[in-house]
Amino acid sequence: MSMLQEFKEFAVKGNAIDMAVGIIVGAAFGKVISSLVADVFMPPIGVLIGGVDFTKLAFTLKEAVGNTPAVTLNYGNFIQTLVDFTIIAFVIFMAVKFINRLKKKEAAVPTVAPELSREEQLLIEIRDLLKERK
């Protein structure tokens, strides 16, 4: 089998396509959540703690000298990223919990066993009689 044929089979498999769609949707979802956090949640939090913009929080390790910019440790960006991660993780947790609840409801639906044909009933009776003889 040629390399091109193997690649074609891999790329067309449902799992590879599902994974690609999941990655693309996940990236877009991450942008939406980042915007939600930065534009909706963080401004009120900043006002509550005294008008602090988290993305501007930093320690200056070395002052700017001439054309050389200052060296800063931007811990505010890290705090922003932690808040983003926490919200994304919580939303994904809730989505998985919802999906699992739907799966449990599907599993709870009792399935009706198919009625056995006459031949199957006879075979079961023969099996049971043979078990009794042993």
C-alpha atoms as a PDB file:
ATOM      1  CA  MET A   1       0.000   0.000   0.000  1.00  0.00           C
ATOM      2  CA  SER A   2       1.432   3.347  -0.995  1.00  0.00           C
ATOM      3  CA  MET A   3       2.112   6.129   1.449  1.00  0.00           C
ATOM      4  CA  LEU A   4      -0.464   8.335  -0.297  1.00  0.00           C
ATOM      5  CA  GLN A   5      -3.142   5.643  -0.006  1.00  0.00           C
ATOM      6  CA  GLU A   6      -2.366   5.134   3.710  1.00  0.00           C
ATOM      7  CA  PHE A   7      -2.575   8.878   4.326  1.00  0.00           C
ATOM      8  CA  LYS A   8      -5.882   9.080   2.470  1.00  0.00           C
ATOM      9  CA  GLU A   9      -7.353   6.295   4.627  1.00  0.00           C
ATOM     10  CA  PHE A  10      -6.106   7.994   7.792  1.00  0.00           C
ATOM     11  CA  ALA A  11      -7.397  11.453   6.836  1.00  0.00           C
ATOM     12  CA  VAL A  12     -10.820  10.204   5.780  1.00  0.00           C
ATOM     13  CA  LYS A  13     -11.435   8.116   8.912  1.00  0.00           C
ATOM     14  CA  GLY A  14     -14.151   9.527  11.126  1.00  0.00           C
ATOM     15  CA  ASN A  15     -11.854   9.812  14.158  1.00  0.00           C
ATOM     16  CA  ALA A  16      -9.360  12.093  12.415  1.00  0.00           C
ATOM     17  CA  ILE A  17     -12.101  14.368  11.112  1.00  0.00           C
ATOM     18  CA  ASP A  18     -13.854  14.428  14.496  1.00  0.00           C
ATOM     19  CA  MET A  19     -10.572  15.324  16.172  1.00  0.00           C
ATOM     20  CA  ALA A  20      -9.911  18.152  13.687  1.00  0.00           C
ATOM     21  CA  VAL A  21     -13.403  19.566  14.198  1.00  0.00           C
ATOM     22  CA  GLY A  22     -12.962  19.315  17.976  1.00  0.00           C
ATOM     23  CA  ILE A  23      -9.658  21.187  17.872  1.00  0.00           C
ATOM     24  CA  ILE A  24     -11.078  23.963  15.695  1.00  0.00           C
ATOM     25  CA  VAL A  25     -14.202  24.354  17.827  1.00  0.00           C
ATOM     26  CA  GLY A  26     -12.069  24.203  20.986  1.00  0.00           C
ATOM     27  CA  ALA A  27      -9.807  26.993  19.736  1.00  0.00           C
ATOM     28  CA  ALA A  28     -12.811  29.170  18.889  1.00  0.00           C
ATOM     29  CA  PHE A  29     -14.392  28.344  22.258  1.00  0.00           C
ATOM     30  CA  GLY A  30     -11.167  29.374  23.987  1.00  0.00           C
ATOM     31  CA  LYS A  31     -11.288  32.768  22.257  1.00  0.00           C
ATOM     32  CA  VAL A  32     -14.901  33.272  23.295  1.00  0.00           C
ATOM     33  CA  ILE A  33     -14.111  32.426  26.919  1.00  0.00           C
ATOM     34  CA  SER A  34     -11.011  34.635  26.899  1.00  0.00           C
ATOM     35  CA  SER A  35     -13.133  37.529  25.660  1.00  0.00           C
ATOM     36  CA  LEU A  36     -15.805  36.763  28.262  1.00  0.00           C
ATOM     37  CA  VAL A  37     -13.219  36.841  31.031  1.00  0.00           C
ATOM     38  CA  ALA A  38     -11.292  39.887  29.782  1.00  0.00           C
ATOM     39  CA  ASP A  39     -14.271  41.990  28.728  1.00  0.00           C
ATOM     40  CA  VAL A  40     -17.065  40.927  31.107  1.00  0.00           C
ATOM     41  CA  PHE A  41     -15.682  39.392  34.308  1.00  0.00           C
ATOM     42  CA  MET A  42     -12.375  41.163  34.897  1.00  0.00           C
ATOM     43  CA  PRO A  43     -13.507  44.827  34.685  1.00  0.00           C
ATOM     44  CA  PRO A  44     -15.980  44.474  37.605  1.00  0.00           C
ATOM     45  CA  ILE A  45     -13.402  42.495  39.593  1.00  0.00           C
ATOM     46  CA  GLY A  46     -10.871  45.237  38.888  1.00  0.00           C
ATOM     47  CA  VAL A  47     -13.332  47.885  40.117  1.00  0.00           C
ATOM     48  CA  LEU A  48     -14.043  45.864  43.273  1.00  0.00           C
ATOM     49  CA  ILE A  49     -10.351  45.706  44.152  1.00  0.00           C
ATOM     50  CA  GLY A  50      -9.684  49.364  43.444  1.00  0.00           C
ATOM     51  CA  GLY A  51      -9.585  49.791  39.663  1.00  0.00           C
ATOM     52  CA  VAL A  52      -6.686  47.432  39.101  1.00  0.00           C
ATOM     53  CA  ASP A  53      -6.217  46.149  35.546  1.00  0.00           C
ATOM     54  CA  PHE A  54      -4.682  42.701  36.008  1.00  0.00           C
ATOM     55  CA  THR A  55      -2.904  42.720  32.647  1.00  0.00           C
ATOM     56  CA  LYS A  56      -0.929  45.801  33.725  1.00  0.00           C
ATOM     57  CA  LEU A  57       0.355  44.295  36.989  1.00  0.00           C
ATOM     58  CA  ALA A  58       4.110  43.729  36.788  1.00  0.00           C
ATOM     59  CA  PHE A  59       7.353  43.886  38.749  1.00  0.00           C
ATOM     60  CA  THR A  60      10.135  45.884  37.163  1.00  0.00           C
ATOM     61  CA  LEU A  61      13.302  43.820  37.315  1.00  0.00           C
ATOM     62  CA  LYS A  62      15.476  46.324  35.444  1.00  0.00           C
ATOM     63  CA  GLU A  63      14.591  49.934  34.610  1.00  0.00           C
ATOM     64  CA  ALA A  64      14.647  51.155  31.032  1.00  0.00           C
ATOM     65  CA  VAL A  65      17.989  52.671  30.042  1.00  0.00           C
ATOM     66  CA  GLY A  66      18.135  54.766  26.873  1.00  0.00           C
ATOM     67  CA  ASN A  67      16.644  52.780  23.997  1.00  0.00           C
ATOM     68  CA  THR A  68      16.655  49.537  26.005  1.00  0.00           C
ATOM     69  CA  PRO A  69      13.162  48.743  27.323  1.00  0.00           C
ATOM     70  CA  ALA A  70      12.558  47.844  30.950  1.00  0.00           C
ATOM     71  CA  VAL A  71      12.647  44.188  31.960  1.00  0.00           C
ATOM     72  CA  THR A  72       9.401  43.325  33.717  1.00  0.00           C
ATOM     73  CA  LEU A  73       7.832  40.291  35.305  1.00  0.00           C
ATOM     74  CA  ASN A  74       4.211  40.448  34.120  1.00  0.00           C
ATOM     75  CA  TYR A  75       2.412  38.506  36.816  1.00  0.00           C
ATOM     76  CA  GLY A  76      -0.894  40.204  35.938  1.00  0.00           C
ATOM     77  CA  ASN A  77      -1.008  38.330  32.626  1.00  0.00           C
ATOM     78  CA  PHE A  78      -0.451  35.131  34.573  1.00  0.00           C
ATOM     79  CA  ILE A  79      -3.376  35.932  36.895  1.00  0.00           C
ATOM     80  CA  GLN A  80      -5.527  36.673  33.827  1.00  0.00           C
ATOM     81  CA  THR A  81      -4.549  33.340  32.279  1.00  0.00           C
ATOM     82  CA  LEU A  82      -5.355  31.485  35.517  1.00  0.00           C
ATOM     83  CA  VAL A  83      -8.808  33.061  35.621  1.00  0.00           C
ATOM     84  CA  ASP A  84      -9.339  32.146  31.933  1.00  0.00           C
ATOM     85  CA  PHE A  85      -8.274  28.560  32.615  1.00  0.00           C
ATOM     86  CA  THR A  86     -10.507  28.246  35.670  1.00  0.00           C
ATOM     87  CA  ILE A  87     -13.571  29.455  33.804  1.00  0.00           C
ATOM     88  CA  ILE A  88     -12.848  27.287  30.736  1.00  0.00           C
ATOM     89  CA  ALA A  89     -12.267  24.229  32.930  1.00  0.00           C
ATOM     90  CA  PHE A  90     -15.519  24.870  34.816  1.00  0.00           C
ATOM     91  CA  VAL A  91     -17.549  25.310  31.616  1.00  0.00           C
ATOM     92  CA  ILE A  92     -16.082  22.125  30.127  1.00  0.00           C
ATOM     93  CA  PHE A  93     -16.782  20.278  33.388  1.00  0.00           C
ATOM     94  CA  MET A  94     -20.409  21.399  33.285  1.00  0.00           C
ATOM     95  CA  ALA A  95     -20.728  20.394  29.607  1.00  0.00           C
ATOM     96  CA  VAL A  96     -19.292  16.916  30.287  1.00  0.00           C
ATOM     97  CA  LYS A  97     -21.547  16.550  33.325  1.00  0.00           C
ATOM     98  CA  PHE A  98     -24.579  17.469  31.183  1.00  0.00           C
ATOM     99  CA  ILE A  99     -23.570  15.010  28.444  1.00  0.00           C
ATOM    100  CA  ASN A 100     -23.049  12.225  31.003  1.00  0.00           C
ATOM    101  CA  ARG A 101     -26.498  12.929  32.461  1.00  0.00           C
ATOM    102  CA  LEU A 102     -27.993  12.556  28.974  1.00  0.00           C
ATOM    103  CA  LYS A 103     -26.135   9.269  28.485  1.00  0.00           C
ATOM    104  CA  LYS A 104     -27.459   7.934  31.804  1.00  0.00           C
ATOM    105  CA  LYS A 105     -31.011   8.755  30.723  1.00  0.00           C
ATOM    106  CA  GLU A 106     -30.447   6.842  27.486  1.00  0.00           C
ATOM    107  CA  ALA A 107     -29.049   3.873  29.409  1.00  0.00           C
ATOM    108  CA  ALA A 108     -31.988   3.928  31.824  1.00  0.00           C
ATOM    109  CA  VAL A 109     -34.466   3.209  29.040  1.00  0.00           C
ATOM    110  CA  PRO A 110     -35.201  -0.520  29.365  1.00  0.00           C
ATOM    111  CA  THR A 111     -34.703  -2.545  26.242  1.00  0.00           C
ATOM    112  CA  VAL A 112     -37.251  -5.224  25.471  1.00  0.00           C
ATOM    113  CA  ALA A 113     -35.695  -8.611  24.872  1.00  0.00           C
ATOM    114  CA  PRO A 114     -36.670 -10.034  21.502  1.00  0.00           C
ATOM    115  CA  GLU A 115     -39.037 -12.968  21.591  1.00  0.00           C
ATOM    116  CA  LEU A 116     -37.270 -16.274  21.000  1.00  0.00           C
ATOM    117  CA  SER A 117     -38.168 -18.357  17.991  1.00  0.00           C
ATOM    118  CA  ARG A 118     -39.452 -21.917  18.439  1.00  0.00           C
ATOM    119  CA  GLU A 119     -36.045 -23.334  17.455  1.00  0.00           C
ATOM    120  CA  GLU A 120     -34.254 -21.183  20.020  1.00  0.00           C
ATOM    121  CA  GLN A 121     -36.681 -22.250  22.752  1.00  0.00           C
ATOM    122  CA  LEU A 122     -36.102 -25.918  21.887  1.00  0.00           C
ATOM    123  CA  LEU A 123     -32.335 -25.461  21.910  1.00  0.00           C
ATOM    124  CA  ILE A 124     -32.534 -23.842  25.355  1.00  0.00           C
ATOM    125  CA  GLU A 125     -34.623 -26.749  26.661  1.00  0.00           C
ATOM    126  CA  ILE A 126     -32.129 -29.278  25.230  1.00  0.00           C
ATOM    127  CA  ARG A 127     -29.244 -27.361  26.817  1.00  0.00           C
ATOM    128  CA  ASP A 128     -30.984 -27.344  30.202  1.00  0.00           C
ATOM    129  CA  LEU A 129     -31.739 -31.097  29.988  1.00  0.00           C
ATOM    130  CA  LEU A 130     -28.108 -31.849  29.159  1.00  0.00           C
ATOM    131  CA  LYS A 131     -26.977 -29.778  32.141  1.00  0.00           C
ATOM    132  CA  GLU A 132     -29.277 -31.785  34.440  1.00  0.00           C
ATOM    133  CA  ARG A 133     -27.748 -35.105  33.289  1.00  0.00           C
ATOM    134  CA  LYS A 134     -24.215 -34.100  34.295  1.00  0.00           C
END
